[in-house]
C-alpha atoms as a PDB file:
ATOM      1  CA  MET A   1     -56.711  56.165 -41.777  1.00  0.00           C
ATOM      2  CA  LYS A   2     -56.462  57.522 -38.252  1.00  0.00           C
ATOM      3  CA  LEU A   3     -53.488  58.752 -36.203  1.00  0.00           C
ATOM      4  CA  THR A   4     -53.031  58.160 -32.485  1.00  0.00           C
ATOM      5  CA  VAL A   5     -50.584  60.489 -30.730  1.00  0.00           C
ATOM      6  CA  VAL A   6     -49.371  58.954 -27.456  1.00  0.00           C
ATOM      7  CA  ILE A   7     -48.001  61.447 -24.914  1.00  0.00           C
ATOM      8  CA  PRO A   8     -46.286  60.098 -21.778  1.00  0.00           C
ATOM      9  CA  VAL A   9     -46.266  62.757 -19.068  1.00  0.00           C
ATOM     10  CA  TYR A  10     -44.325  63.196 -15.845  1.00  0.00           C
ATOM     11  CA  ASN A  11     -44.154  66.569 -14.068  1.00  0.00           C
ATOM     12  CA  GLU A  12     -44.781  68.766 -17.119  1.00  0.00           C
ATOM     13  CA  VAL A  13     -47.229  71.271 -15.652  1.00  0.00           C
ATOM     14  CA  LYS A  14     -45.500  74.158 -17.472  1.00  0.00           C
ATOM     15  CA  THR A  15     -45.777  72.665 -20.951  1.00  0.00           C
ATOM     16  CA  ILE A  16     -48.578  70.090 -21.179  1.00  0.00           C
ATOM     17  CA  GLU A  17     -51.315  72.526 -22.172  1.00  0.00           C
ATOM     18  CA  ASP A  18     -49.148  74.088 -24.888  1.00  0.00           C
ATOM     19  CA  VAL A  19     -48.139  70.668 -26.238  1.00  0.00           C
ATOM     20  CA  VAL A  20     -51.742  69.484 -26.512  1.00  0.00           C
ATOM     21  CA  LYS A  21     -52.801  72.776 -28.087  1.00  0.00           C
ATOM     22  CA  THR A  22     -49.997  72.539 -30.643  1.00  0.00           C
ATOM     23  CA  VAL A  23     -50.750  68.899 -31.481  1.00  0.00           C
ATOM     24  CA  LYS A  24     -54.408  69.770 -32.053  1.00  0.00           C
ATOM     25  CA  SER A  25     -53.445  72.651 -34.347  1.00  0.00           C
ATOM     26  CA  VAL A  26     -51.604  70.373 -36.768  1.00  0.00           C
ATOM     27  CA  SER A  27     -53.355  69.560 -40.024  1.00  0.00           C
ATOM     28  CA  ILE A  28     -52.494  66.070 -41.251  1.00  0.00           C
ATOM     29  CA  GLY A  29     -55.484  65.222 -43.452  1.00  0.00           C
ATOM     30  CA  MET A  30     -56.816  62.435 -41.241  1.00  0.00           C
ATOM     31  CA  PRO A  31     -58.636  62.011 -37.903  1.00  0.00           C
ATOM     32  CA  MET A  32     -56.408  62.153 -34.832  1.00  0.00           C
ATOM     33  CA  GLU A  33     -56.813  60.994 -31.250  1.00  0.00           C
ATOM     34  CA  ILE A  34     -54.567  62.074 -28.378  1.00  0.00           C
ATOM     35  CA  VAL A  35     -53.776  59.540 -25.671  1.00  0.00           C
ATOM     36  CA  ILE A  36     -52.102  61.022 -22.586  1.00  0.00           C
ATOM     37  CA  VAL A  37     -50.657  58.867 -19.810  1.00  0.00           C
ATOM     38  CA  ASP A  38     -49.677  60.684 -16.633  1.00  0.00           C
ATOM     39  CA  ASP A  39     -46.991  58.701 -14.823  1.00  0.00           C
ATOM     40  CA  CYS A  40     -47.905  59.840 -11.288  1.00  0.00           C
ATOM     41  CA  SER A  41     -46.890  63.496 -11.641  1.00  0.00           C
ATOM     42  CA  LYS A  42     -46.436  65.431  -8.397  1.00  0.00           C
ATOM     43  CA  ASP A  43     -46.234  69.008  -9.691  1.00  0.00           C
ATOM     44  CA  GLY A  44     -49.885  69.678 -10.527  1.00  0.00           C
ATOM     45  CA  THR A  45     -49.848  68.128 -13.995  1.00  0.00           C
ATOM     46  CA  ARG A  46     -52.578  65.642 -13.060  1.00  0.00           C
ATOM     47  CA  GLU A  47     -54.886  68.408 -11.934  1.00  0.00           C
ATOM     48  CA  VAL A  48     -54.272  70.361 -15.140  1.00  0.00           C
ATOM     49  CA  LEU A  49     -55.050  67.268 -17.221  1.00  0.00           C
ATOM     50  CA  LYS A  50     -58.280  66.572 -15.348  1.00  0.00           C
ATOM     51  CA  LYS A  51     -59.371  70.177 -15.877  1.00  0.00           C
ATOM     52  CA  MET A  52     -58.500  69.931 -19.577  1.00  0.00           C
ATOM     53  CA  GLN A  53     -60.597  66.789 -19.884  1.00  0.00           C
ATOM     54  CA  GLU A  54     -63.665  68.681 -18.623  1.00  0.00           C
ATOM     55  CA  THR A  55     -63.605  70.873 -21.726  1.00  0.00           C
ATOM     56  CA  GLN A  56     -61.798  68.571 -24.202  1.00  0.00           C
ATOM     57  CA  SER A  57     -63.722  65.339 -24.309  1.00  0.00           C
ATOM     58  CA  ASP A  58     -61.604  64.086 -27.226  1.00  0.00           C
ATOM     59  CA  LEU A  59     -58.612  63.497 -24.944  1.00  0.00           C
ATOM     60  CA  VAL A  60     -58.003  59.926 -23.749  1.00  0.00           C
ATOM     61  CA  LEU A  61     -56.401  60.125 -20.288  1.00  0.00           C
ATOM     62  CA  SER A  62     -54.838  57.510 -18.033  1.00  0.00           C
ATOM     63  CA  PHE A  63     -53.236  58.046 -14.634  1.00  0.00           C
ATOM     64  CA  HIS A  64     -50.585  55.810 -13.100  1.00  0.00           C
ATOM     65  CA  GLU A  65     -50.828  55.685  -9.321  1.00  0.00           C
ATOM     66  CA  VAL A  66     -47.119  54.848  -9.010  1.00  0.00           C
ATOM     67  CA  ASN A  67     -44.327  56.407 -11.044  1.00  0.00           C
ATOM     68  CA  GLN A  68     -42.987  53.720 -13.379  1.00  0.00           C
ATOM     69  CA  GLY A  69     -41.178  55.518 -16.189  1.00  0.00           C
ATOM     70  CA  LYS A  70     -41.589  56.539 -19.824  1.00  0.00           C
ATOM     71  CA  GLY A  71     -41.595  52.984 -21.162  1.00  0.00           C
ATOM     72  CA  ALA A  72     -44.374  51.955 -18.794  1.00  0.00           C
ATOM     73  CA  ALA A  73     -46.430  55.015 -19.735  1.00  0.00           C
ATOM     74  CA  LEU A  74     -46.002  54.192 -23.424  1.00  0.00           C
ATOM     75  CA  ARG A  75     -47.147  50.606 -22.868  1.00  0.00           C
ATOM     76  CA  THR A  76     -50.326  51.953 -21.304  1.00  0.00           C
ATOM     77  CA  GLY A  77     -50.796  54.423 -24.148  1.00  0.00           C
ATOM     78  CA  PHE A  78     -50.192  51.867 -26.881  1.00  0.00           C
ATOM     79  CA  GLY A  79     -52.823  49.646 -25.283  1.00  0.00           C
ATOM     80  CA  GLN A  80     -55.395  52.420 -25.644  1.00  0.00           C
ATOM     81  CA  ALA A  81     -54.485  53.469 -29.188  1.00  0.00           C
ATOM     82  CA  THR A  82     -57.162  52.902 -31.819  1.00  0.00           C
ATOM     83  CA  GLY A  83     -55.460  54.616 -34.759  1.00  0.00           C
ATOM     84  CA  ASP A  84     -53.955  52.888 -37.781  1.00  0.00           C
ATOM     85  CA  ILE A  85     -50.721  54.802 -37.117  1.00  0.00           C
ATOM     86  CA  VAL A  86     -49.209  55.498 -33.677  1.00  0.00           C
ATOM     87  CA  LEU A  87     -46.817  58.396 -33.030  1.00  0.00           C
ATOM     88  CA  ILE A  88     -44.909  59.159 -29.824  1.00  0.00           C
ATOM     89  CA  GLN A  89     -44.880  62.788 -28.652  1.00  0.00           C
ATOM     90  CA  ASP A  90     -43.017  63.946 -25.542  1.00  0.00           C
ATOM     91  CA  ALA A  91     -44.873  66.267 -23.178  1.00  0.00           C
ATOM     92  CA  ASP A  92     -42.233  68.990 -23.272  1.00  0.00           C
ATOM     93  CA  LEU A  93     -41.497  71.396 -26.101  1.00  0.00           C
ATOM     94  CA  GLU A  94     -38.315  69.784 -27.444  1.00  0.00           C
ATOM     95  CA  TYR A  95     -40.046  68.354 -30.535  1.00  0.00           C
ATOM     96  CA  ASP A  96     -42.311  70.208 -32.956  1.00  0.00           C
ATOM     97  CA  PRO A  97     -45.675  68.606 -33.856  1.00  0.00           C
ATOM     98  CA  HIS A  98     -45.788  70.687 -37.032  1.00  0.00           C
ATOM     99  CA  GLU A  99     -43.369  68.103 -38.456  1.00  0.00           C
ATOM    100  CA  TYR A 100     -45.926  65.275 -38.257  1.00  0.00           C
ATOM    101  CA  ALA A 101     -46.646  65.439 -41.981  1.00  0.00           C
ATOM    102  CA  ASN A 102     -43.003  64.691 -42.824  1.00  0.00           C
ATOM    103  CA  LEU A 103     -42.870  61.859 -40.289  1.00  0.00           C
ATOM    104  CA  LEU A 104     -46.077  60.276 -41.593  1.00  0.00           C
ATOM    105  CA  LYS A 105     -45.293  60.561 -45.294  1.00  0.00           C
ATOM    106  CA  PRO A 106     -43.196  57.370 -45.712  1.00  0.00           C
ATOM    107  CA  ILE A 107     -45.974  55.328 -44.083  1.00  0.00           C
ATOM    108  CA  LEU A 108     -48.795  57.031 -45.990  1.00  0.00           C
ATOM    109  CA  ASP A 109     -46.872  56.530 -49.237  1.00  0.00           C
ATOM    110  CA  GLY A 110     -46.796  52.804 -48.501  1.00  0.00           C
ATOM    111  CA  ARG A 111     -43.006  52.724 -48.221  1.00  0.00           C
ATOM    112  CA  ALA A 112     -42.506  52.307 -44.462  1.00  0.00           C
ATOM    113  CA  ASP A 113     -43.875  50.449 -41.457  1.00  0.00           C
ATOM    114  CA  VAL A 114     -41.793  52.379 -38.909  1.00  0.00           C
ATOM    115  CA  VAL A 115     -40.361  55.905 -39.071  1.00  0.00           C
ATOM    116  CA  PHE A 116     -37.712  57.378 -36.778  1.00  0.00           C
ATOM    117  CA  GLY A 117     -37.113  61.090 -36.593  1.00  0.00           C
ATOM    118  CA  SER A 118     -33.475  62.137 -36.624  1.00  0.00           C
ATOM    119  CA  ARG A 119     -31.899  65.183 -35.033  1.00  0.00           C
ATOM    120  CA  PHE A 120     -28.677  64.506 -36.964  1.00  0.00           C
ATOM    121  CA  LEU A 121     -29.812  64.400 -40.599  1.00  0.00           C
ATOM    122  CA  GLY A 122     -29.763  68.128 -41.192  1.00  0.00           C
ATOM    123  CA  GLY A 123     -33.352  69.045 -40.356  1.00  0.00           C
ATOM    124  CA  GLY A 124     -34.571  72.387 -39.030  1.00  0.00           C
ATOM    125  CA  ALA A 125     -33.429  74.447 -36.054  1.00  0.00           C
ATOM    126  CA  HIS A 126     -31.417  72.766 -33.282  1.00  0.00           C
ATOM    127  CA  ARG A 127     -30.708  74.249 -29.886  1.00  0.00           C
ATOM    128  CA  VAL A 128     -27.025  73.956 -28.968  1.00  0.00           C
ATOM    129  CA  VAL A 129     -26.810  72.006 -25.683  1.00  0.00           C
ATOM    130  CA  PHE A 130     -24.983  69.143 -23.944  1.00  0.00           C
ATOM    131  CA  TYR A 131     -21.993  67.983 -25.983  1.00  0.00           C
ATOM    132  CA  TRP A 132     -21.567  64.881 -23.809  1.00  0.00           C
ATOM    133  CA  HIS A 133     -25.220  63.929 -24.285  1.00  0.00           C
ATOM    134  CA  TYR A 134     -24.698  64.259 -28.024  1.00  0.00           C
ATOM    135  CA  LEU A 135     -21.570  62.126 -27.882  1.00  0.00           C
ATOM    136  CA  GLY A 136     -23.290  59.527 -25.709  1.00  0.00           C
ATOM    137  CA  ASN A 137     -26.254  59.407 -28.064  1.00  0.00           C
ATOM    138  CA  ARG A 138     -24.048  58.814 -31.074  1.00  0.00           C
ATOM    139  CA  PHE A 139     -22.142  56.098 -29.213  1.00  0.00           C
ATOM    140  CA  LEU A 140     -25.336  54.309 -28.137  1.00  0.00           C
ATOM    141  CA  THR A 141     -26.798  54.587 -31.632  1.00  0.00           C
ATOM    142  CA  THR A 142     -23.634  53.135 -33.166  1.00  0.00           C
ATOM    143  CA  LEU A 143     -23.553  50.244 -30.706  1.00  0.00           C
ATOM    144  CA  SER A 144     -27.264  49.604 -31.273  1.00  0.00           C
ATOM    145  CA  ASN A 145     -26.676  49.575 -35.033  1.00  0.00           C
ATOM    146  CA  MET A 146     -23.899  47.036 -34.624  1.00  0.00           C
ATOM    147  CA  MET A 147     -26.300  44.747 -32.775  1.00  0.00           C
ATOM    148  CA  THR A 148     -29.325  45.268 -35.051  1.00  0.00           C
ATOM    149  CA  ASN A 149     -27.600  45.766 -38.433  1.00  0.00           C
ATOM    150  CA  LEU A 150     -29.525  48.999 -38.946  1.00  0.00           C
ATOM    151  CA  ASN A 151     -27.926  52.272 -40.021  1.00  0.00           C
ATOM    152  CA  LEU A 152     -29.915  54.688 -37.879  1.00  0.00           C
ATOM    153  CA  THR A 153     -28.443  58.063 -36.987  1.00  0.00           C
ATOM    154  CA  ASP A 154     -30.596  58.742 -33.890  1.00  0.00           C
ATOM    155  CA  MET A 155     -31.858  55.677 -32.048  1.00  0.00           C
ATOM    156  CA  GLU A 156     -32.671  57.658 -28.859  1.00  0.00           C
ATOM    157  CA  VAL A 157     -34.993  60.136 -30.589  1.00  0.00           C
ATOM    158  CA  CYS A 158     -38.501  60.707 -29.193  1.00  0.00           C
ATOM    159  CA  TYR A 159     -40.257  60.805 -32.560  1.00  0.00           C
ATOM    160  CA  LYS A 160     -40.990  57.228 -33.524  1.00  0.00           C
ATOM    161  CA  VAL A 161     -44.004  56.348 -35.682  1.00  0.00           C
ATOM    162  CA  PHE A 162     -45.483  52.884 -36.211  1.00  0.00           C
ATOM    163  CA  ARG A 163     -48.183  51.187 -38.160  1.00  0.00           C
ATOM    164  CA  ARG A 164     -50.290  49.839 -35.280  1.00  0.00           C
ATOM    165  CA  GLU A 165     -50.000  46.283 -36.602  1.00  0.00           C
ATOM    166  CA  VAL A 166     -46.253  46.446 -35.871  1.00  0.00           C
ATOM    167  CA  LEU A 167     -46.834  47.307 -32.225  1.00  0.00           C
ATOM    168  CA  LYS A 168     -49.431  44.560 -31.820  1.00  0.00           C
ATOM    169  CA  GLY A 169     -46.777  41.939 -32.386  1.00  0.00           C
ATOM    170  CA  ILE A 170     -44.265  43.318 -29.874  1.00  0.00           C
ATOM    171  CA  VAL A 171     -44.144  42.706 -26.115  1.00  0.00           C
ATOM    172  CA  LEU A 172     -42.451  45.653 -24.370  1.00  0.00           C
ATOM    173  CA  ARG A 173     -40.815  45.277 -20.957  1.00  0.00           C
ATOM    174  CA  GLU A 174     -38.642  48.321 -20.300  1.00  0.00           C
ATOM    175  CA  ASN A 175     -40.139  50.857 -17.878  1.00  0.00           C
ATOM    176  CA  ARG A 176     -37.799  53.810 -18.340  1.00  0.00           C
ATOM    177  CA  PHE A 177     -35.704  55.169 -21.215  1.00  0.00           C
ATOM    178  CA  GLY A 178     -34.513  51.654 -22.054  1.00  0.00           C
ATOM    179  CA  PHE A 179     -37.685  51.602 -24.145  1.00  0.00           C
ATOM    180  CA  GLU A 180     -35.832  53.323 -26.998  1.00  0.00           C
ATOM    181  CA  VAL A 181     -33.273  50.526 -27.250  1.00  0.00           C
ATOM    182  CA  GLU A 182     -35.839  47.778 -26.779  1.00  0.00           C
ATOM    183  CA  ILE A 183     -38.287  48.960 -29.433  1.00  0.00           C
ATOM    184  CA  THR A 184     -35.442  49.511 -31.906  1.00  0.00           C
ATOM    185  CA  ALA A 185     -34.083  46.002 -31.392  1.00  0.00           C
ATOM    186  CA  LYS A 186     -37.503  44.405 -31.663  1.00  0.00           C
ATOM    187  CA  VAL A 187     -38.604  46.155 -34.853  1.00  0.00           C
ATOM    188  CA  ALA A 188     -35.188  45.329 -36.346  1.00  0.00           C
ATOM    189  CA  ARG A 189     -35.882  41.611 -35.900  1.00  0.00           C
ATOM    190  CA  ARG A 190     -39.182  41.845 -37.745  1.00  0.00           C
ATOM    191  CA  PRO A 191     -39.817  42.298 -41.464  1.00  0.00           C
ATOM    192  CA  CYS A 192     -40.378  46.040 -40.982  1.00  0.00           C
ATOM    193  CA  ARG A 193     -39.456  48.725 -43.465  1.00  0.00           C
ATOM    194  CA  ILE A 194     -37.756  51.401 -41.358  1.00  0.00           C
ATOM    195  CA  TYR A 195     -37.176  54.976 -42.516  1.00  0.00           C
ATOM    196  CA  GLU A 196     -35.603  58.076 -40.943  1.00  0.00           C
ATOM    197  CA  VAL A 197     -36.796  61.655 -41.399  1.00  0.00           C
ATOM    198  CA  PRO A 198     -34.848  64.791 -40.358  1.00  0.00           C
ATOM    199  CA  ILE A 199     -36.473  66.810 -37.567  1.00  0.00           C
ATOM    200  CA  SER A 200     -35.862  69.978 -35.567  1.00  0.00           C
ATOM    201  CA  TYR A 201     -34.847  69.828 -31.918  1.00  0.00           C
ATOM    202  CA  TYR A 202     -35.460  72.434 -29.223  1.00  0.00           C
ATOM    203  CA  GLY A 203     -33.575  70.806 -26.354  1.00  0.00           C
ATOM    204  CA  ARG A 204     -34.048  71.670 -22.696  1.00  0.00           C
ATOM    205  CA  ASP A 205     -31.509  71.781 -19.877  1.00  0.00           C
ATOM    206  CA  TYR A 206     -32.092  70.294 -16.445  1.00  0.00           C
ATOM    207  CA  SER A 207     -33.332  73.566 -14.968  1.00  0.00           C
ATOM    208  CA  GLU A 208     -36.093  73.458 -17.598  1.00  0.00           C
ATOM    209  CA  GLY A 209     -37.167  69.917 -16.737  1.00  0.00           C
ATOM    210  CA  LYS A 210     -34.920  67.537 -18.688  1.00  0.00           C
ATOM    211  CA  LYS A 211     -35.056  64.107 -17.011  1.00  0.00           C
ATOM    212  CA  ILE A 212     -32.716  61.627 -18.688  1.00  0.00           C
ATOM    213  CA  THR A 213     -29.485  61.042 -16.721  1.00  0.00           C
ATOM    214  CA  TRP A 214     -26.189  59.147 -16.970  1.00  0.00           C
ATOM    215  CA  LYS A 215     -27.871  56.217 -15.191  1.00  0.00           C
ATOM    216  CA  ASP A 216     -30.218  55.863 -18.163  1.00  0.00           C
ATOM    217  CA  GLY A 217     -27.177  55.753 -20.427  1.00  0.00           C
ATOM    218  CA  PHE A 218     -25.772  52.753 -18.548  1.00  0.00           C
ATOM    219  CA  ARG A 219     -29.178  51.066 -18.662  1.00  0.00           C
ATOM    220  CA  ALA A 220     -29.267  51.657 -22.413  1.00  0.00           C
ATOM    221  CA  LEU A 221     -25.904  49.913 -22.755  1.00  0.00           C
ATOM    222  CA  TRP A 222     -27.221  46.885 -20.907  1.00  0.00           C
ATOM    223  CA  CYS A 223     -30.419  46.887 -22.979  1.00  0.00           C
ATOM    224  CA  ILE A 224     -28.470  46.968 -26.250  1.00  0.00           C
ATOM    225  CA  VAL A 225     -26.771  43.711 -25.296  1.00  0.00           C
ATOM    226  CA  LYS A 226     -29.849  42.193 -23.623  1.00  0.00           C
ATOM    227  CA  TYR A 227     -32.226  42.688 -26.541  1.00  0.00           C
ATOM    228  CA  ARG A 228     -29.677  41.524 -29.073  1.00  0.00           C
ATOM    229  CA  PHE A 229     -30.105  38.051 -27.624  1.00  0.00           C
ATOM    230  CA  SER A 230     -33.610  38.038 -26.088  1.00  0.00           C
ATOM    231  CA  ASP A 231     -37.113  39.126 -27.060  1.00  0.00           C
END
């Protein structure tokens, strides 16, 4: 078994080196490759990544020449993944790679095909931020559940893990944060065993680089309806 960690990156010059270092420090008992897709960063992230590649030949890097969004970066990364299991890791420090073992366990035990992390199942430490984001997340998750007949607690979470065979059968179209809704709807329509695992969350505010906005919330609403009726 082999794990591919896909990291979409946009303007994360302050954190990208620490994220990669932390991911590499995690012991999961299997080989791991790291696929990083830079979505046309403008803050020096690209230069940092190219310098990292000079000394870390195990990194798989791709560079978008036009900013397209997280979903587009993930499509590129999924296309380059060679692992049996694929895990999404954001390029900031909101999610802790030391929790990989817990996320992988349902798949390695042969019980799951897809695993969602959940910030709302009573996991580890959680930074206290953004009540309205929390409320919006719960609303979108509930509406998504109504459309998919799942009982997820955190549809918008970054940490999603897939057996690669699941991803091979899915065509993804969303370029931005609508990816979260789309992938949830599409795995729900397939004979996938889906599990949730509690995780920690070290949220950022906008001064620290948080990117999702109210516009993405409205797009998510549209995507929930759209992907209920289309593939």
